[in-house]
């Protein structure tokens, strides 16, 4: 288990200082710093993992399985409690989403052009209709 870089990345994503996290989990800052820097092979002692999970509003397994390719959105559920949603979307999904967005923008532009062409045709037909009515009225008056 390579927990050190995972807890460091989570702390950075949340914008917390080491001192703040260390106080939250009731640990000296230098001890917490070592915990982040070293690749811990053994299980965290005590309820440290549970305290970190409480801080980040996630399950302990979410911390253990955290991958920095994924991202964290801080989501305010309501005014009283906040929550965290861990979205596990790889970079390829974001690239596909961007390509889809660009394709939709092109479709919207094409439809806007089509709309302009149709509006011009409607105007021309309205003018032709008025001209035919005028001719019809002249023919009926003779």
N, C-alpha and C. Protein backbone atom coordinates (compact mmCIF):
# COMPACT_ATOMS: atom_id res chain seq x y z
N UNK A 1 0.86 -1.18 0.00
CA UNK A 1 0.00 0.00 0.00
C UNK A 1 0.90 1.24 0.00
N UNK A 2 0.71 2.11 -0.94
CA UNK A 2 1.51 3.32 -1.09
C UNK A 2 0.67 4.52 -0.67
N UNK A 3 0.42 4.64 0.62
CA UNK A 3 -0.55 5.63 1.12
C UNK A 3 0.02 7.04 1.21
N UNK A 4 1.32 7.20 1.41
CA UNK A 4 1.91 8.52 1.60
C UNK A 4 1.58 9.51 0.50
N UNK A 5 1.89 9.20 -0.77
CA UNK A 5 1.56 10.13 -1.86
C UNK A 5 0.06 10.37 -2.02
N UNK A 6 -0.74 9.37 -1.66
CA UNK A 6 -2.19 9.53 -1.78
C UNK A 6 -2.72 10.56 -0.79
N UNK A 7 -2.26 10.47 0.46
CA UNK A 7 -2.76 11.43 1.45
C UNK A 7 -2.19 12.82 1.20
N UNK A 8 -0.97 12.88 0.64
CA UNK A 8 -0.41 14.18 0.28
C UNK A 8 -1.24 14.83 -0.82
N UNK A 9 -1.58 14.07 -1.86
CA UNK A 9 -2.34 14.60 -2.99
C UNK A 9 -3.74 15.04 -2.54
N UNK A 10 -4.37 14.25 -1.71
CA UNK A 10 -5.69 14.64 -1.19
C UNK A 10 -5.59 15.94 -0.41
N UNK A 11 -4.59 16.05 0.44
CA UNK A 11 -4.42 17.27 1.24
C UNK A 11 -4.23 18.47 0.32
N UNK A 12 -3.41 18.31 -0.70
CA UNK A 12 -3.17 19.41 -1.64
C UNK A 12 -4.43 19.78 -2.41
N UNK A 13 -5.19 18.78 -2.84
CA UNK A 13 -6.43 19.05 -3.57
C UNK A 13 -7.44 19.82 -2.73
N UNK A 14 -7.45 19.54 -1.44
CA UNK A 14 -8.36 20.24 -0.55
C UNK A 14 -7.81 21.59 -0.07
N UNK A 15 -6.54 21.83 -0.38
CA UNK A 15 -5.94 23.10 -0.01
C UNK A 15 -5.57 23.20 1.47
N UNK A 16 -5.37 22.07 2.13
CA UNK A 16 -5.02 22.06 3.54
C UNK A 16 -3.51 22.09 3.71
N UNK A 17 -3.07 22.68 4.81
CA UNK A 17 -1.65 22.66 5.20
C UNK A 17 -1.42 21.39 6.03
N UNK A 18 -0.17 20.94 6.03
CA UNK A 18 0.17 19.74 6.81
C UNK A 18 -0.18 19.94 8.28
N UNK A 19 0.06 21.13 8.78
CA UNK A 19 -0.19 21.41 10.19
C UNK A 19 -1.67 21.22 10.53
N UNK A 20 -2.55 21.67 9.65
CA UNK A 20 -3.98 21.54 9.88
C UNK A 20 -4.39 20.06 9.93
N UNK A 21 -3.93 19.30 8.93
CA UNK A 21 -4.29 17.87 8.88
C UNK A 21 -3.72 17.14 10.10
N UNK A 22 -2.49 17.47 10.46
CA UNK A 22 -1.86 16.82 11.62
C UNK A 22 -2.66 17.09 12.89
N UNK A 23 -3.10 18.32 13.07
CA UNK A 23 -3.92 18.64 14.25
C UNK A 23 -5.24 17.90 14.21
N UNK A 24 -5.85 17.80 13.03
CA UNK A 24 -7.13 17.11 12.89
C UNK A 24 -7.03 15.65 13.32
N UNK A 25 -5.92 15.01 12.94
CA UNK A 25 -5.77 13.59 13.29
C UNK A 25 -4.99 13.39 14.58
N UNK A 26 -4.74 14.52 15.29
CA UNK A 26 -4.07 14.49 16.60
C UNK A 26 -2.68 13.85 16.50
N UNK A 27 -1.87 14.47 15.64
CA UNK A 27 -0.53 13.97 15.38
C UNK A 27 0.39 15.18 15.24
N UNK A 28 1.64 15.03 15.60
CA UNK A 28 2.59 16.12 15.43
C UNK A 28 2.83 16.33 13.94
N UNK A 29 3.02 17.58 13.54
CA UNK A 29 3.18 17.91 12.13
C UNK A 29 4.36 17.17 11.49
N UNK A 30 5.46 17.04 12.20
CA UNK A 30 6.63 16.37 11.62
C UNK A 30 6.35 14.87 11.39
N UNK A 31 5.56 14.28 12.27
CA UNK A 31 5.17 12.87 12.10
C UNK A 31 4.29 12.72 10.87
N UNK A 32 3.34 13.64 10.72
CA UNK A 32 2.46 13.60 9.56
C UNK A 32 3.27 13.81 8.28
N UNK A 33 4.23 14.73 8.32
CA UNK A 33 5.09 15.00 7.17
C UNK A 33 5.83 13.73 6.74
N UNK A 34 6.38 13.00 7.70
CA UNK A 34 7.07 11.74 7.38
C UNK A 34 6.10 10.72 6.79
N UNK A 35 4.87 10.72 7.30
CA UNK A 35 3.87 9.79 6.80
C UNK A 35 3.57 10.08 5.32
N UNK A 36 3.54 11.35 4.94
CA UNK A 36 3.29 11.71 3.55
C UNK A 36 4.48 11.38 2.64
N UNK A 37 5.67 11.57 3.16
CA UNK A 37 6.87 11.43 2.34
C UNK A 37 7.27 9.99 2.06
N UNK A 38 7.01 9.13 3.01
CA UNK A 38 7.48 7.75 2.86
C UNK A 38 6.37 6.85 2.36
N UNK A 39 6.77 5.85 1.60
CA UNK A 39 5.82 4.87 1.10
C UNK A 39 5.58 3.86 2.22
N UNK A 40 4.43 3.98 2.84
CA UNK A 40 4.12 3.13 3.99
C UNK A 40 3.61 1.78 3.50
N UNK A 41 4.32 0.77 3.83
CA UNK A 41 3.91 -0.59 3.45
C UNK A 41 2.94 -1.18 4.48
N UNK A 42 3.13 -0.77 5.73
CA UNK A 42 2.28 -1.34 6.77
C UNK A 42 0.99 -0.53 6.91
N UNK A 43 0.06 -1.11 7.59
CA UNK A 43 -1.23 -0.47 7.80
C UNK A 43 -1.07 0.72 8.75
N UNK A 44 -1.84 1.77 8.53
CA UNK A 44 -1.79 2.92 9.43
C UNK A 44 -2.21 2.49 10.82
N UNK A 45 -1.55 3.07 11.80
CA UNK A 45 -1.84 2.71 13.18
C UNK A 45 -3.06 3.46 13.70
N UNK A 46 -3.78 2.77 14.59
CA UNK A 46 -4.92 3.41 15.24
C UNK A 46 -6.02 3.77 14.26
N UNK A 47 -6.67 4.88 14.56
CA UNK A 47 -7.78 5.30 13.73
C UNK A 47 -7.40 6.46 12.81
N UNK A 48 -6.11 6.52 12.45
CA UNK A 48 -5.62 7.61 11.60
C UNK A 48 -6.36 7.65 10.27
N UNK A 49 -6.51 6.52 9.64
CA UNK A 49 -7.19 6.46 8.35
C UNK A 49 -8.65 6.93 8.48
N UNK A 50 -9.31 6.51 9.56
CA UNK A 50 -10.69 6.91 9.78
C UNK A 50 -10.79 8.42 10.01
N UNK A 51 -9.83 8.99 10.73
CA UNK A 51 -9.82 10.44 10.95
C UNK A 51 -9.61 11.20 9.65
N UNK A 52 -8.71 10.69 8.81
CA UNK A 52 -8.49 11.33 7.50
C UNK A 52 -9.75 11.22 6.65
N UNK A 53 -10.39 10.07 6.66
CA UNK A 53 -11.63 9.90 5.90
C UNK A 53 -12.70 10.86 6.39
N UNK A 54 -12.76 11.05 7.70
CA UNK A 54 -13.72 12.00 8.27
C UNK A 54 -13.42 13.42 7.80
N UNK A 55 -12.16 13.78 7.79
CA UNK A 55 -11.75 15.11 7.34
C UNK A 55 -12.17 15.36 5.90
N UNK A 56 -11.92 14.39 5.03
CA UNK A 56 -12.20 14.55 3.61
C UNK A 56 -13.62 14.13 3.23
N UNK A 57 -14.39 13.68 4.18
CA UNK A 57 -15.78 13.26 3.97
C UNK A 57 -15.88 12.15 2.91
N UNK A 58 -14.99 11.16 3.05
CA UNK A 58 -14.99 10.00 2.17
C UNK A 58 -14.88 8.75 3.03
N UNK A 59 -14.98 7.61 2.41
CA UNK A 59 -14.77 6.34 3.11
C UNK A 59 -13.28 6.06 3.17
N UNK A 60 -12.81 5.34 4.19
CA UNK A 60 -11.39 4.98 4.25
C UNK A 60 -10.89 4.28 2.99
N UNK A 61 -11.72 3.42 2.40
CA UNK A 61 -11.32 2.73 1.16
C UNK A 61 -11.10 3.70 0.02
N UNK A 62 -11.83 4.83 0.01
CA UNK A 62 -11.64 5.83 -1.03
C UNK A 62 -10.23 6.41 -0.96
N UNK A 63 -9.71 6.55 0.24
CA UNK A 63 -8.34 7.05 0.40
C UNK A 63 -7.35 5.98 -0.05
N UNK A 64 -7.57 4.76 0.38
CA UNK A 64 -6.66 3.67 0.01
C UNK A 64 -6.63 3.45 -1.50
N UNK A 65 -7.77 3.65 -2.16
CA UNK A 65 -7.87 3.42 -3.60
C UNK A 65 -7.69 4.69 -4.42
N UNK A 66 -7.38 5.79 -3.77
CA UNK A 66 -7.26 7.07 -4.46
C UNK A 66 -6.17 7.01 -5.53
N UNK A 67 -6.49 7.54 -6.70
CA UNK A 67 -5.54 7.61 -7.81
C UNK A 67 -5.51 9.05 -8.28
N UNK A 68 -4.34 9.65 -8.33
CA UNK A 68 -4.29 11.07 -8.67
C UNK A 68 -4.67 11.37 -10.10
N UNK A 69 -4.88 10.36 -10.93
CA UNK A 69 -5.42 10.59 -12.27
C UNK A 69 -6.88 11.01 -12.17
N UNK A 70 -7.49 10.64 -11.06
CA UNK A 70 -8.87 11.01 -10.82
C UNK A 70 -8.86 12.38 -10.18
N UNK A 71 -9.99 12.99 -10.09
CA UNK A 71 -10.02 14.30 -9.47
C UNK A 71 -11.11 14.36 -8.43
N UNK A 72 -11.02 15.35 -7.59
CA UNK A 72 -11.98 15.51 -6.49
C UNK A 72 -12.71 16.82 -6.68
N UNK A 73 -14.00 16.77 -6.62
CA UNK A 73 -14.82 17.97 -6.62
C UNK A 73 -15.35 18.17 -5.22
N UNK A 74 -15.12 19.33 -4.69
CA UNK A 74 -15.73 19.63 -3.41
C UNK A 74 -17.14 20.08 -3.71
N UNK A 75 -18.09 19.41 -3.13
CA UNK A 75 -19.49 19.64 -3.44
C UNK A 75 -20.22 20.04 -2.18
N UNK A 76 -20.79 21.20 -2.19
CA UNK A 76 -21.56 21.68 -1.04
C UNK A 76 -22.97 21.14 -1.18
N UNK A 77 -23.32 20.20 -0.32
CA UNK A 77 -24.64 19.58 -0.42
C UNK A 77 -25.73 20.54 0.03
N UNK A 78 -25.47 21.27 1.09
CA UNK A 78 -26.38 22.32 1.51
C UNK A 78 -25.59 23.27 2.40
N UNK A 79 -26.23 24.24 2.99
CA UNK A 79 -25.51 25.24 3.77
C UNK A 79 -24.91 24.68 5.06
N UNK A 80 -25.41 23.55 5.54
CA UNK A 80 -24.95 23.05 6.83
C UNK A 80 -23.88 21.96 6.70
N UNK A 81 -23.97 21.14 5.68
CA UNK A 81 -22.99 20.06 5.56
C UNK A 81 -22.41 20.05 4.17
N UNK A 82 -21.15 19.75 4.09
CA UNK A 82 -20.48 19.63 2.80
C UNK A 82 -20.19 18.18 2.53
N UNK A 83 -19.92 17.88 1.31
CA UNK A 83 -19.58 16.52 0.97
C UNK A 83 -18.56 16.52 -0.13
N UNK A 84 -18.03 15.39 -0.41
CA UNK A 84 -17.04 15.26 -1.46
C UNK A 84 -17.50 14.18 -2.41
N UNK A 85 -17.38 14.48 -3.66
CA UNK A 85 -17.68 13.48 -4.68
C UNK A 85 -16.35 13.15 -5.34
N UNK A 86 -15.97 11.91 -5.33
CA UNK A 86 -14.75 11.52 -6.02
C UNK A 86 -15.18 10.97 -7.37
N UNK A 87 -14.83 11.70 -8.40
CA UNK A 87 -15.17 11.31 -9.77
C UNK A 87 -13.98 10.59 -10.36
N UNK A 88 -14.20 9.39 -10.78
CA UNK A 88 -13.12 8.58 -11.31
C UNK A 88 -13.19 8.56 -12.83
N UNK A 89 -12.79 9.67 -13.44
CA UNK A 89 -12.84 9.81 -14.87
C UNK A 89 -11.42 9.91 -15.42
N UNK A 90 -11.03 9.01 -16.28
CA UNK A 90 -9.69 9.10 -16.87
C UNK A 90 -9.61 10.24 -17.89
N UNK A 91 -8.38 10.63 -18.22
CA UNK A 91 -8.15 11.72 -19.15
C UNK A 91 -8.82 11.47 -20.50
N UNK A 92 -8.88 10.22 -20.93
CA UNK A 92 -9.48 9.90 -22.22
C UNK A 92 -10.94 10.30 -22.25
N UNK A 93 -11.64 10.19 -21.11
CA UNK A 93 -13.04 10.57 -21.05
C UNK A 93 -13.19 12.08 -21.24
N UNK A 94 -12.28 12.84 -20.65
CA UNK A 94 -12.34 14.28 -20.81
C UNK A 94 -12.05 14.68 -22.25
N UNK A 95 -11.12 13.99 -22.91
CA UNK A 95 -10.81 14.26 -24.32
C UNK A 95 -12.04 13.95 -25.19
N UNK A 96 -12.69 12.85 -24.91
CA UNK A 96 -13.90 12.48 -25.65
C UNK A 96 -15.00 13.51 -25.42
N UNK A 97 -15.13 13.98 -24.19
CA UNK A 97 -16.13 14.99 -23.87
C UNK A 97 -15.85 16.28 -24.63
N UNK A 98 -14.59 16.68 -24.70
CA UNK A 98 -14.21 17.88 -25.43
C UNK A 98 -14.51 17.73 -26.92
N UNK A 99 -14.21 16.58 -27.49
CA UNK A 99 -14.51 16.32 -28.90
C UNK A 99 -16.01 16.38 -29.15
N UNK A 100 -16.77 15.82 -28.23
CA UNK A 100 -18.23 15.84 -28.34
C UNK A 100 -18.76 17.28 -28.26
N UNK A 101 -18.19 18.08 -27.37
CA UNK A 101 -18.60 19.47 -27.23
C UNK A 101 -18.34 20.24 -28.52
N UNK A 102 -17.16 20.02 -29.12
CA UNK A 102 -16.82 20.70 -30.37
C UNK A 102 -17.76 20.27 -31.50
N UNK A 103 -18.09 18.99 -31.55
CA UNK A 103 -19.02 18.50 -32.57
C UNK A 103 -20.40 19.13 -32.39
N UNK A 104 -20.84 19.26 -31.15
CA UNK A 104 -22.14 19.89 -30.88
C UNK A 104 -22.12 21.36 -31.27
N UNK A 105 -21.01 22.05 -31.00
CA UNK A 105 -20.90 23.45 -31.39
C UNK A 105 -20.98 23.59 -32.91
N UNK A 106 -20.33 22.69 -33.64
CA UNK A 106 -20.38 22.71 -35.11
C UNK A 106 -21.81 22.47 -35.59
N UNK A 107 -22.52 21.56 -34.94
CA UNK A 107 -23.91 21.27 -35.29
C UNK A 107 -24.78 22.50 -35.05
N UNK A 108 -24.58 23.17 -33.94
CA UNK A 108 -25.35 24.37 -33.62
C UNK A 108 -25.08 25.46 -34.67
N UNK A 109 -23.82 25.63 -35.05
CA UNK A 109 -23.48 26.61 -36.09
C UNK A 109 -24.15 26.27 -37.42
N UNK A 110 -24.14 24.99 -37.79
CA UNK A 110 -24.77 24.56 -39.04
C UNK A 110 -26.27 24.80 -38.99
N UNK A 111 -26.89 24.52 -37.85
CA UNK A 111 -28.33 24.74 -37.71
C UNK A 111 -28.66 26.22 -37.74
N UNK A 112 -27.79 27.07 -37.19
CA UNK A 112 -28.01 28.51 -37.23
C UNK A 112 -27.97 28.99 -38.68
N UNK A 113 -27.04 28.47 -39.46
CA UNK A 113 -26.94 28.83 -40.87
C UNK A 113 -28.18 28.36 -41.62
N UNK A 114 -28.61 27.14 -41.37
CA UNK A 114 -29.81 26.60 -42.00
C UNK A 114 -31.02 27.47 -41.65
N UNK A 115 -31.11 27.91 -40.41
CA UNK A 115 -32.20 28.76 -39.97
C UNK A 115 -32.21 30.08 -40.75
N UNK A 116 -31.03 30.67 -40.96
CA UNK A 116 -30.95 31.91 -41.73
C UNK A 116 -31.42 31.70 -43.17
N UNK A 117 -31.02 30.60 -43.78
CA UNK A 117 -31.43 30.28 -45.15
C UNK A 117 -32.95 30.12 -45.21
N UNK A 118 -33.51 29.39 -44.24
CA UNK A 118 -34.97 29.18 -44.22
C UNK A 118 -35.72 30.48 -43.99
N UNK A 119 -35.19 31.34 -43.12
CA UNK A 119 -35.83 32.64 -42.88
C UNK A 119 -35.83 33.47 -44.15
N UNK A 120 -34.73 33.42 -44.91
CA UNK A 120 -34.66 34.15 -46.18
C UNK A 120 -35.67 33.59 -47.18
N UNK A 121 -35.84 32.27 -47.23
CA UNK A 121 -36.82 31.65 -48.12
C UNK A 121 -38.24 32.05 -47.72
N UNK A 122 -38.50 32.08 -46.43
CA UNK A 122 -39.83 32.48 -45.94
C UNK A 122 -40.12 33.92 -46.36
N UNK A 123 -39.14 34.78 -46.19
CA UNK A 123 -39.31 36.18 -46.58
C UNK A 123 -39.60 36.30 -48.07
N UNK A 124 -38.85 35.54 -48.88
CA UNK A 124 -39.06 35.57 -50.33
C UNK A 124 -40.45 35.05 -50.68
N UNK A 125 -40.91 34.00 -50.04
CA UNK A 125 -42.24 33.45 -50.30
C UNK A 125 -43.33 34.43 -49.86
N UNK A 126 -43.11 35.12 -48.74
CA UNK A 126 -44.08 36.12 -48.29
C UNK A 126 -44.18 37.25 -49.30
N UNK A 127 -43.04 37.69 -49.84
CA UNK A 127 -43.04 38.74 -50.86
C UNK A 127 -43.74 38.27 -52.13
N UNK A 128 -43.46 37.03 -52.53
CA UNK A 128 -44.11 36.47 -53.71
C UNK A 128 -45.61 36.35 -53.49
N UNK A 129 -46.02 35.95 -52.29
CA UNK A 129 -47.43 35.83 -51.94
C UNK A 129 -48.11 37.20 -52.04
N UNK A 130 -47.46 38.24 -51.52
CA UNK A 130 -48.03 39.58 -51.57
C UNK A 130 -48.15 40.05 -53.03
N UNK A 131 -47.15 39.73 -53.85
CA UNK A 131 -47.20 40.12 -55.26
C UNK A 131 -48.33 39.41 -55.98
N UNK A 132 -48.53 38.13 -55.69
CA UNK A 132 -49.61 37.38 -56.31
C UNK A 132 -50.98 37.90 -55.87
N UNK A 133 -51.09 38.28 -54.61
CA UNK A 133 -52.35 38.85 -54.12
C UNK A 133 -52.62 40.18 -54.82
N UNK A 134 -51.56 40.96 -55.02
CA UNK A 134 -51.74 42.23 -55.72
C UNK A 134 -52.19 42.01 -57.15
N UNK A 135 -51.60 41.03 -57.82
CA UNK A 135 -52.02 40.71 -59.19
C UNK A 135 -53.44 40.19 -59.23
N UNK A 136 -53.77 39.40 -58.22
CA UNK A 136 -55.11 38.84 -58.14
C UNK A 136 -56.14 39.96 -57.94
N UNK A 137 -55.83 40.92 -57.11
CA UNK A 137 -56.72 42.05 -56.85
C UNK A 137 -56.87 42.92 -58.10
N UNK A 138 -55.82 43.11 -58.87
CA UNK A 138 -55.88 43.88 -60.10
C UNK A 138 -56.76 43.18 -61.13
N UNK A 139 -56.61 41.87 -61.20
CA UNK A 139 -57.40 41.07 -62.16
C UNK A 139 -58.87 41.11 -61.82
N UNK A 140 -59.21 41.14 -60.54
CA UNK A 140 -60.59 41.15 -60.11
C UNK A 140 -61.23 42.53 -60.29
N UNK A 141 -60.43 43.59 -60.31
CA UNK A 141 -60.95 44.94 -60.45
C UNK A 141 -61.22 45.28 -61.90
N UNK A 142 -60.63 44.60 -62.85
CA UNK A 142 -60.81 44.93 -64.26
C UNK A 142 -62.10 44.45 -64.75
